[in-house]
Amino acid sequence: MKAITANELKTKGVSSIESALAEGDEAIISVRGQERYVVMDMEAYNRLRVCELEAALYAARRQVAEGQAVTESVEEHIDRLRKMDP
């Protein structure tokens, strides 16, 4: 994964990101020698987002199959949440 320094980003701007992403899907931005951020193009981000949503759907389906789901009206749900709030 290509690394971009904060100073390089400051002086070269978005072109430093574009250059780094030409070499791979992601680039790390380091600040004072510490890796702090990851940048990627929207296509790569959207792929990760789809994976995240599919994982959440899988977990929800598993909870339903295991009987851990609650069926209730919106009002009942709000009342239950209010009772949980300390």
PDB file of N, CA and C in Angstrom:
ATOM      1  N   MET A   1       0.841  -1.161   0.000  1.00  0.00           N
ATOM      2  CA  MET A   1       0.000   0.000   0.000  1.00  0.00           C
ATOM      3  C   MET A   1       0.895   1.236   0.000  1.00  0.00           C
ATOM      4  N   LYS A   2       0.633   2.134  -0.893  1.00  0.00           N
ATOM      5  CA  LYS A   2       1.419   3.358  -1.039  1.00  0.00           C
ATOM      6  C   LYS A   2       1.154   4.292   0.141  1.00  0.00           C
ATOM      7  N   ALA A   3       2.193   4.926   0.629  1.00  0.00           N
ATOM      8  CA  ALA A   3       2.071   5.883   1.728  1.00  0.00           C
ATOM      9  C   ALA A   3       2.262   7.303   1.202  1.00  0.00           C
ATOM     10  N   ILE A   4       1.469   8.204   1.718  1.00  0.00           N
ATOM     11  CA  ILE A   4       1.557   9.623   1.396  1.00  0.00           C
ATOM     12  C   ILE A   4       1.779  10.351   2.710  1.00  0.00           C
ATOM     13  N   THR A   5       2.735  11.245   2.740  1.00  0.00           N
ATOM     14  CA  THR A   5       2.932  12.033   3.957  1.00  0.00           C
ATOM     15  C   THR A   5       1.962  13.204   3.946  1.00  0.00           C
ATOM     16  N   ALA A   6       1.645  13.699   5.117  1.00  0.00           N
ATOM     17  CA  ALA A   6       0.759  14.855   5.218  1.00  0.00           C
ATOM     18  C   ALA A   6       1.365  16.049   4.491  1.00  0.00           C
ATOM     19  N   ASN A   7       2.691  16.177   4.574  1.00  0.00           N
ATOM     20  CA  ASN A   7       3.348  17.286   3.901  1.00  0.00           C
ATOM     21  C   ASN A   7       3.206  17.166   2.377  1.00  0.00           C
ATOM     22  N   GLU A   8       3.352  15.947   1.845  1.00  0.00           N
ATOM     23  CA  GLU A   8       3.173  15.721   0.414  1.00  0.00           C
ATOM     24  C   GLU A   8       1.740  16.058  -0.003  1.00  0.00           C
ATOM     25  N   LEU A   9       0.795  15.674   0.825  1.00  0.00           N
ATOM     26  CA  LEU A   9      -0.607  15.969   0.545  1.00  0.00           C
ATOM     27  C   LEU A   9      -0.844  17.477   0.568  1.00  0.00           C
ATOM     28  N   LYS A  10      -0.190  18.143   1.498  1.00  0.00           N
ATOM     29  CA  LYS A  10      -0.337  19.591   1.615  1.00  0.00           C
ATOM     30  C   LYS A  10       0.240  20.307   0.394  1.00  0.00           C
ATOM     31  N   THR A  11       1.393  19.863  -0.081  1.00  0.00           N
ATOM     32  CA  THR A  11       2.038  20.557  -1.193  1.00  0.00           C
ATOM     33  C   THR A  11       1.515  20.138  -2.559  1.00  0.00           C
ATOM     34  N   LYS A  12       1.174  18.851  -2.712  1.00  0.00           N
ATOM     35  CA  LYS A  12       0.748  18.359  -4.028  1.00  0.00           C
ATOM     36  C   LYS A  12      -0.756  18.179  -4.149  1.00  0.00           C
ATOM     37  N   GLY A  13      -1.456  18.203  -3.033  1.00  0.00           N
ATOM     38  CA  GLY A  13      -2.917  18.096  -3.048  1.00  0.00           C
ATOM     39  C   GLY A  13      -3.419  16.755  -3.539  1.00  0.00           C
ATOM     40  N   VAL A  14      -4.554  16.813  -4.214  1.00  0.00           N
ATOM     41  CA  VAL A  14      -5.243  15.608  -4.662  1.00  0.00           C
ATOM     42  C   VAL A  14      -4.390  14.805  -5.637  1.00  0.00           C
ATOM     43  N   SER A  15      -3.507  15.466  -6.356  1.00  0.00           N
ATOM     44  CA  SER A  15      -2.668  14.721  -7.309  1.00  0.00           C
ATOM     45  C   SER A  15      -1.805  13.683  -6.598  1.00  0.00           C
ATOM     46  N   SER A  16      -1.418  13.934  -5.353  1.00  0.00           N
ATOM     47  CA  SER A  16      -0.648  12.923  -4.616  1.00  0.00           C
ATOM     48  C   SER A  16      -1.502  11.698  -4.317  1.00  0.00           C
ATOM     49  N   ILE A  17      -2.783  11.910  -4.063  1.00  0.00           N
ATOM     50  CA  ILE A  17      -3.700  10.792  -3.833  1.00  0.00           C
ATOM     51  C   ILE A  17      -3.916  10.029  -5.133  1.00  0.00           C
ATOM     52  N   GLU A  18      -4.169  10.757  -6.203  1.00  0.00           N
ATOM     53  CA  GLU A  18      -4.387  10.101  -7.499  1.00  0.00           C
ATOM     54  C   GLU A  18      -3.182   9.271  -7.905  1.00  0.00           C
ATOM     55  N   SER A  19      -1.998   9.797  -7.673  1.00  0.00           N
ATOM     56  CA  SER A  19      -0.777   9.074  -8.013  1.00  0.00           C
ATOM     57  C   SER A  19      -0.650   7.799  -7.187  1.00  0.00           C
ATOM     58  N   ALA A  20      -0.940   7.899  -5.897  1.00  0.00           N
ATOM     59  CA  ALA A  20      -0.844   6.732  -5.018  1.00  0.00           C
ATOM     60  C   ALA A  20      -1.884   5.680  -5.391  1.00  0.00           C
ATOM     61  N   LEU A  21      -3.088   6.116  -5.735  1.00  0.00           N
ATOM     62  CA  LEU A  21      -4.142   5.165  -6.070  1.00  0.00           C
ATOM     63  C   LEU A  21      -3.934   4.525  -7.434  1.00  0.00           C
ATOM     64  N   ALA A  22      -3.073   5.100  -8.250  1.00  0.00           N
ATOM     65  CA  ALA A  22      -2.739   4.479  -9.534  1.00  0.00           C
ATOM     66  C   ALA A  22      -1.951   3.194  -9.308  1.00  0.00           C
ATOM     67  N   GLU A  23      -1.336   3.078  -8.122  1.00  0.00           N
ATOM     68  CA  GLU A  23      -0.526   1.904  -7.781  1.00  0.00           C
ATOM     69  C   GLU A  23      -1.292   0.838  -7.000  1.00  0.00           C
ATOM     70  N   GLY A  24      -2.463   1.177  -6.499  1.00  0.00           N
ATOM     71  CA  GLY A  24      -3.233   0.218  -5.712  1.00  0.00           C
ATOM     72  C   GLY A  24      -4.584   0.782  -5.346  1.00  0.00           C
ATOM     73  N   ASP A  25      -5.401  -0.033  -4.659  1.00  0.00           N
ATOM     74  CA  ASP A  25      -6.755   0.390  -4.299  1.00  0.00           C
ATOM     75  C   ASP A  25      -6.801   1.377  -3.139  1.00  0.00           C
ATOM     76  N   GLU A  26      -5.778   1.343  -2.284  1.00  0.00           N
ATOM     77  CA  GLU A  26      -5.771   2.200  -1.101  1.00  0.00           C
ATOM     78  C   GLU A  26      -4.414   2.862  -0.937  1.00  0.00           C
ATOM     79  N   ALA A  27      -4.427   3.963  -0.194  1.00  0.00           N
ATOM     80  CA  ALA A  27      -3.180   4.638   0.155  1.00  0.00           C
ATOM     81  C   ALA A  27      -3.283   5.094   1.602  1.00  0.00           C
ATOM     82  N   ILE A  28      -2.159   5.058   2.292  1.00  0.00           N
ATOM     83  CA  ILE A  28      -2.099   5.484   3.685  1.00  0.00           C
ATOM     84  C   ILE A  28      -1.584   6.908   3.737  1.00  0.00           C
ATOM     85  N   ILE A  29      -2.181   7.728   4.582  1.00  0.00           N
ATOM     86  CA  ILE A  29      -1.665   9.075   4.822  1.00  0.00           C
ATOM     87  C   ILE A  29      -1.029   9.055   6.201  1.00  0.00           C
ATOM     88  N   SER A  30       0.236   9.427   6.240  1.00  0.00           N
ATOM     89  CA  SER A  30       0.937   9.452   7.521  1.00  0.00           C
ATOM     90  C   SER A  30       1.116  10.902   7.978  1.00  0.00           C
ATOM     91  N   VAL A  31       0.976  11.082   9.259  1.00  0.00           N
ATOM     92  CA  VAL A  31       1.133  12.395   9.875  1.00  0.00           C
ATOM     93  C   VAL A  31       2.210  12.270  10.935  1.00  0.00           C
ATOM     94  N   ARG A  32       3.284  13.033  10.760  1.00  0.00           N
ATOM     95  CA  ARG A  32       4.428  12.997  11.682  1.00  0.00           C
ATOM     96  C   ARG A  32       4.938  11.575  11.891  1.00  0.00           C
ATOM     97  N   GLY A  33       5.000  10.821  10.796  1.00  0.00           N
ATOM     98  CA  GLY A  33       5.539   9.466  10.847  1.00  0.00           C
ATOM     99  C   GLY A  33       4.569   8.407  11.320  1.00  0.00           C
ATOM    100  N   GLN A  34       3.367   8.798  11.705  1.00  0.00           N
ATOM    101  CA  GLN A  34       2.359   7.852  12.187  1.00  0.00           C
ATOM    102  C   GLN A  34       1.308   7.625  11.101  1.00  0.00           C
ATOM    103  N   GLU A  35       0.988   6.373  10.789  1.00  0.00           N
ATOM    104  CA  GLU A  35      -0.072   6.079   9.842  1.00  0.00           C
ATOM    105  C   GLU A  35      -1.399   6.471  10.482  1.00  0.00           C
ATOM    106  N   ARG A  36      -2.126   7.388   9.835  1.00  0.00           N
ATOM    107  CA  ARG A  36      -3.343   7.924  10.455  1.00  0.00           C
ATOM    108  C   ARG A  36      -4.613   7.698   9.647  1.00  0.00           C
ATOM    109  N   TYR A  37      -4.508   7.719   8.330  1.00  0.00           N
ATOM    110  CA  TYR A  37      -5.708   7.662   7.494  1.00  0.00           C
ATOM    111  C   TYR A  37      -5.486   6.731   6.301  1.00  0.00           C
ATOM    112  N   VAL A  38      -6.579   6.239   5.767  1.00  0.00           N
ATOM    113  CA  VAL A  38      -6.546   5.460   4.531  1.00  0.00           C
ATOM    114  C   VAL A  38      -7.500   6.134   3.561  1.00  0.00           C
ATOM    115  N   VAL A  39      -7.045   6.319   2.329  1.00  0.00           N
ATOM    116  CA  VAL A  39      -7.912   6.857   1.286  1.00  0.00           C
ATOM    117  C   VAL A  39      -8.055   5.816   0.190  1.00  0.00           C
ATOM    118  N   MET A  40      -9.202   5.854  -0.483  1.00  0.00           N
ATOM    119  CA  MET A  40      -9.460   4.925  -1.578  1.00  0.00           C
ATOM    120  C   MET A  40     -10.434   5.584  -2.523  1.00  0.00           C
ATOM    121  N   ASP A  41     -10.513   5.043  -3.738  1.00  0.00           N
ATOM    122  CA  ASP A  41     -11.482   5.606  -4.673  1.00  0.00           C
ATOM    123  C   ASP A  41     -12.869   5.086  -4.311  1.00  0.00           C
ATOM    124  N   MET A  42     -13.882   5.723  -4.862  1.00  0.00           N
ATOM    125  CA  MET A  42     -15.263   5.386  -4.507  1.00  0.00           C
ATOM    126  C   MET A  42     -15.631   3.952  -4.866  1.00  0.00           C
ATOM    127  N   GLU A  43     -15.093   3.430  -5.946  1.00  0.00           N
ATOM    128  CA  GLU A  43     -15.400   2.056  -6.334  1.00  0.00           C
ATOM    129  C   GLU A  43     -14.936   1.080  -5.261  1.00  0.00           C
ATOM    130  N   ALA A  44     -13.733   1.265  -4.753  1.00  0.00           N
ATOM    131  CA  ALA A  44     -13.210   0.403  -3.686  1.00  0.00           C
ATOM    132  C   ALA A  44     -14.025   0.582  -2.410  1.00  0.00           C
ATOM    133  N   TYR A  45     -14.367   1.824  -2.089  1.00  0.00           N
ATOM    134  CA  TYR A  45     -15.183   2.097  -0.896  1.00  0.00           C
ATOM    135  C   TYR A  45     -16.539   1.404  -1.011  1.00  0.00           C
ATOM    136  N   ASN A  46     -17.172   1.525  -2.173  1.00  0.00           N
ATOM    137  CA  ASN A  46     -18.492   0.911  -2.370  1.00  0.00           C
ATOM    138  C   ASN A  46     -18.424  -0.605  -2.255  1.00  0.00           C
ATOM    139  N   ARG A  47     -17.334  -1.222  -2.737  1.00  0.00           N
ATOM    140  CA  ARG A  47     -17.172  -2.673  -2.571  1.00  0.00           C
ATOM    141  C   ARG A  47     -17.102  -3.039  -1.090  1.00  0.00           C
ATOM    142  N   LEU A  48     -16.340  -2.269  -0.326  1.00  0.00           N
ATOM    143  CA  LEU A  48     -16.238  -2.538   1.115  1.00  0.00           C
ATOM    144  C   LEU A  48     -17.574  -2.323   1.811  1.00  0.00           C
ATOM    145  N   ARG A  49     -18.285  -1.297   1.401  1.00  0.00           N
ATOM    146  CA  ARG A  49     -19.587  -0.996   1.997  1.00  0.00           C
ATOM    147  C   ARG A  49     -20.571  -2.142   1.738  1.00  0.00           C
ATOM    148  N   VAL A  50     -20.579  -2.676   0.523  1.00  0.00           N
ATOM    149  CA  VAL A  50     -21.450  -3.814   0.201  1.00  0.00           C
ATOM    150  C   VAL A  50     -21.092  -5.003   1.090  1.00  0.00           C
ATOM    151  N   CYS A  51     -19.819  -5.265   1.273  1.00  0.00           N
ATOM    152  CA  CYS A  51     -19.390  -6.373   2.145  1.00  0.00           C
ATOM    153  C   CYS A  51     -19.874  -6.157   3.573  1.00  0.00           C
ATOM    154  N   GLU A  52     -19.760  -4.932   4.053  1.00  0.00           N
ATOM    155  CA  GLU A  52     -20.200  -4.601   5.404  1.00  0.00           C
ATOM    156  C   GLU A  52     -21.706  -4.817   5.556  1.00  0.00           C
ATOM    157  N   LEU A  53     -22.477  -4.371   4.570  1.00  0.00           N
ATOM    158  CA  LEU A  53     -23.930  -4.547   4.626  1.00  0.00           C
ATOM    159  C   LEU A  53     -24.323  -6.012   4.528  1.00  0.00           C
ATOM    160  N   GLU A  54     -23.619  -6.784   3.694  1.00  0.00           N
ATOM    161  CA  GLU A  54     -23.910  -8.219   3.593  1.00  0.00           C
ATOM    162  C   GLU A  54     -23.590  -8.936   4.895  1.00  0.00           C
ATOM    163  N   ALA A  55     -22.528  -8.525   5.572  1.00  0.00           N
ATOM    164  CA  ALA A  55     -22.182  -9.128   6.862  1.00  0.00           C
ATOM    165  C   ALA A  55     -23.254  -8.810   7.901  1.00  0.00           C
ATOM    166  N   ALA A  56     -23.771  -7.590   7.897  1.00  0.00           N
ATOM    167  CA  ALA A  56     -24.833  -7.210   8.830  1.00  0.00           C
ATOM    168  C   ALA A  56     -26.106  -7.993   8.548  1.00  0.00           C
ATOM    169  N   LEU A  57     -26.432  -8.171   7.277  1.00  0.00           N
ATOM    170  CA  LEU A  57     -27.619  -8.947   6.898  1.00  0.00           C
ATOM    171  C   LEU A  57     -27.463 -10.401   7.330  1.00  0.00           C
ATOM    172  N   TYR A  58     -26.287 -10.967   7.124  1.00  0.00           N
ATOM    173  CA  TYR A  58     -26.020 -12.345   7.548  1.00  0.00           C
ATOM    174  C   TYR A  58     -26.206 -12.481   9.062  1.00  0.00           C
ATOM    175  N   ALA A  59     -25.663 -11.522   9.821  1.00  0.00           N
ATOM    176  CA  ALA A  59     -25.781 -11.570  11.279  1.00  0.00           C
ATOM    177  C   ALA A  59     -27.242 -11.447  11.711  1.00  0.00           C
ATOM    178  N   ALA A  60     -28.000 -10.567  11.067  1.00  0.00           N
ATOM    179  CA  ALA A  60     -29.416 -10.400  11.408  1.00  0.00           C
ATOM    180  C   ALA A  60     -30.201 -11.674  11.100  1.00  0.00           C
ATOM    181  N   ARG A  61     -29.931 -12.277   9.952  1.00  0.00           N
ATOM    182  CA  ARG A  61     -30.629 -13.518   9.604  1.00  0.00           C
ATOM    183  C   ARG A  61     -30.289 -14.636  10.586  1.00  0.00           C
ATOM    184  N   ARG A  62     -29.039 -14.684  11.022  1.00  0.00           N
ATOM    185  CA  ARG A  62     -28.632 -15.695  11.994  1.00  0.00           C
ATOM    186  C   ARG A  62     -29.362 -15.471  13.322  1.00  0.00           C
ATOM    187  N   GLN A  63     -29.479 -14.220  13.748  1.00  0.00           N
ATOM    188  CA  GLN A  63     -30.187 -13.927  14.999  1.00  0.00           C
ATOM    189  C   GLN A  63     -31.662 -14.319  14.912  1.00  0.00           C
ATOM    190  N   VAL A  64     -32.292 -14.063  13.775  1.00  0.00           N
ATOM    191  CA  VAL A  64     -33.689 -14.454  13.580  1.00  0.00           C
ATOM    192  C   VAL A  64     -33.803 -15.970  13.641  1.00  0.00           C
ATOM    193  N   ALA A  65     -32.917 -16.672  12.958  1.00  0.00           N
ATOM    194  CA  ALA A  65     -32.949 -18.140  12.942  1.00  0.00           C
ATOM    195  C   ALA A  65     -32.735 -18.724  14.329  1.00  0.00           C
ATOM    196  N   GLU A  66     -31.964 -18.040  15.158  1.00  0.00           N
ATOM    197  CA  GLU A  66     -31.684 -18.522  16.515  1.00  0.00           C
ATOM    198  C   GLU A  66     -32.720 -18.042  17.533  1.00  0.00           C
ATOM    199  N   GLY A  67     -33.756 -17.345  17.047  1.00  0.00           N
ATOM    200  CA  GLY A  67     -34.818 -16.891  17.948  1.00  0.00           C
ATOM    201  C   GLY A  67     -34.450 -15.681  18.789  1.00  0.00           C
ATOM    202  N   GLN A  68     -33.473 -14.937  18.374  1.00  0.00           N
ATOM    203  CA  GLN A  68     -33.048 -13.771  19.144  1.00  0.00           C
ATOM    204  C   GLN A  68     -33.706 -12.474  18.673  1.00  0.00           C
ATOM    205  N   ALA A  69     -34.646 -12.559  17.731  1.00  0.00           N
ATOM    206  CA  ALA A  69     -35.304 -11.368  17.204  1.00  0.00           C
ATOM    207  C   ALA A  69     -36.557 -11.051  18.015  1.00  0.00           C
ATOM    208  N   VAL A  70     -36.954  -9.809  17.999  1.00  0.00           N
ATOM    209  CA  VAL A  70     -38.151  -9.357  18.689  1.00  0.00           C
ATOM    210  C   VAL A  70     -39.111  -8.813  17.642  1.00  0.00           C
ATOM    211  N   THR A  71     -40.363  -9.258  17.701  1.00  0.00           N
ATOM    212  CA  THR A  71     -41.389  -8.733  16.806  1.00  0.00           C
ATOM    213  C   THR A  71     -42.300  -7.839  17.638  1.00  0.00           C
ATOM    214  N   GLU A  72     -42.373  -6.555  17.235  1.00  0.00           N
ATOM    215  CA  GLU A  72     -43.184  -5.601  17.988  1.00  0.00           C
ATOM    216  C   GLU A  72     -43.519  -4.419  17.093  1.00  0.00           C
ATOM    217  N   SER A  73     -44.481  -3.646  17.519  1.00  0.00           N
ATOM    218  CA  SER A  73     -44.856  -2.448  16.770  1.00  0.00           C
ATOM    219  C   SER A  73     -43.812  -1.358  17.014  1.00  0.00           C
ATOM    220  N   VAL A  74     -43.919  -0.306  16.243  1.00  0.00           N
ATOM    221  CA  VAL A  74     -43.001   0.820  16.416  1.00  0.00           C
ATOM    222  C   VAL A  74     -43.156   1.404  17.819  1.00  0.00           C
ATOM    223  N   GLU A  75     -44.395   1.571  18.256  1.00  0.00           N
ATOM    224  CA  GLU A  75     -44.649   2.135  19.588  1.00  0.00           C
ATOM    225  C   GLU A  75     -44.059   1.259  20.689  1.00  0.00           C
ATOM    226  N   GLU A  76     -44.248  -0.062  20.556  1.00  0.00           N
ATOM    227  CA  GLU A  76     -43.688  -0.988  21.544  1.00  0.00           C
ATOM    228  C   GLU A  76     -42.161  -0.918  21.548  1.00  0.00           C
ATOM    229  N   HIS A  77     -41.585  -0.800  20.375  1.00  0.00           N
ATOM    230  CA  HIS A  77     -40.127  -0.707  20.266  1.00  0.00           C
ATOM    231  C   HIS A  77     -39.620   0.557  20.954  1.00  0.00           C
ATOM    232  N   ILE A  78     -40.254   1.674  20.700  1.00  0.00           N
ATOM    233  CA  ILE A  78     -39.841   2.935  21.327  1.00  0.00           C
ATOM    234  C   ILE A  78     -39.999   2.853  22.838  1.00  0.00           C
ATOM    235  N   ASP A  79     -41.116   2.287  23.309  1.00  0.00           N
ATOM    236  CA  ASP A  79     -41.321   2.125  24.757  1.00  0.00           C
ATOM    237  C   ASP A  79     -40.228   1.263  25.368  1.00  0.00           C
ATOM    238  N   ARG A  80     -39.886   0.157  24.678  1.00  0.00           N
ATOM    239  CA  ARG A  80     -38.818  -0.725  25.192  1.00  0.00           C
ATOM    240  C   ARG A  80     -37.489  -0.003  25.269  1.00  0.00           C
ATOM    241  N   LEU A  81     -37.192   0.790  24.238  1.00  0.00           N
ATOM    242  CA  LEU A  81     -35.919   1.540  24.244  1.00  0.00           C
ATOM    243  C   LEU A  81     -35.898   2.578  25.358  1.00  0.00           C
ATOM    244  N   ARG A  82     -37.005   3.220  25.597  1.00  0.00           N
ATOM    245  CA  ARG A  82     -37.074   4.229  26.678  1.00  0.00           C
ATOM    246  C   ARG A  82     -36.861   3.586  28.037  1.00  0.00           C
ATOM    247  N   LYS A  83     -37.373   2.388  28.221  1.00  0.00           N
ATOM    248  CA  LYS A  83     -37.204   1.680  29.487  1.00  0.00           C
ATOM    249  C   LYS A  83     -35.756   1.269  29.709  1.00  0.00           C
ATOM    250  N   MET A  84     -35.013   1.058  28.604  1.00  0.00           N
ATOM    251  CA  MET A  84     -33.604   0.654  28.690  1.00  0.00           C
ATOM    252  C   MET A  84     -32.717   1.832  29.015  1.00  0.00           C
ATOM    253  N   ASP A  85     -33.145   3.042  28.674  1.00  0.00           N
ATOM    254  CA  ASP A  85     -32.326   4.248  28.867  1.00  0.00           C
ATOM    255  C   ASP A  85     -32.252   4.589  30.345  1.00  0.00           C
ATOM    256  N   PRO A  86     -31.063   4.637  30.931  1.00  0.00           N
ATOM    257  CA  PRO A  86     -30.934   4.903  32.382  1.00  0.00           C
ATOM    258  C   PRO A  86     -31.316   6.304  32.763  1.00  0.00           C
TER     259      PRO A  86
END
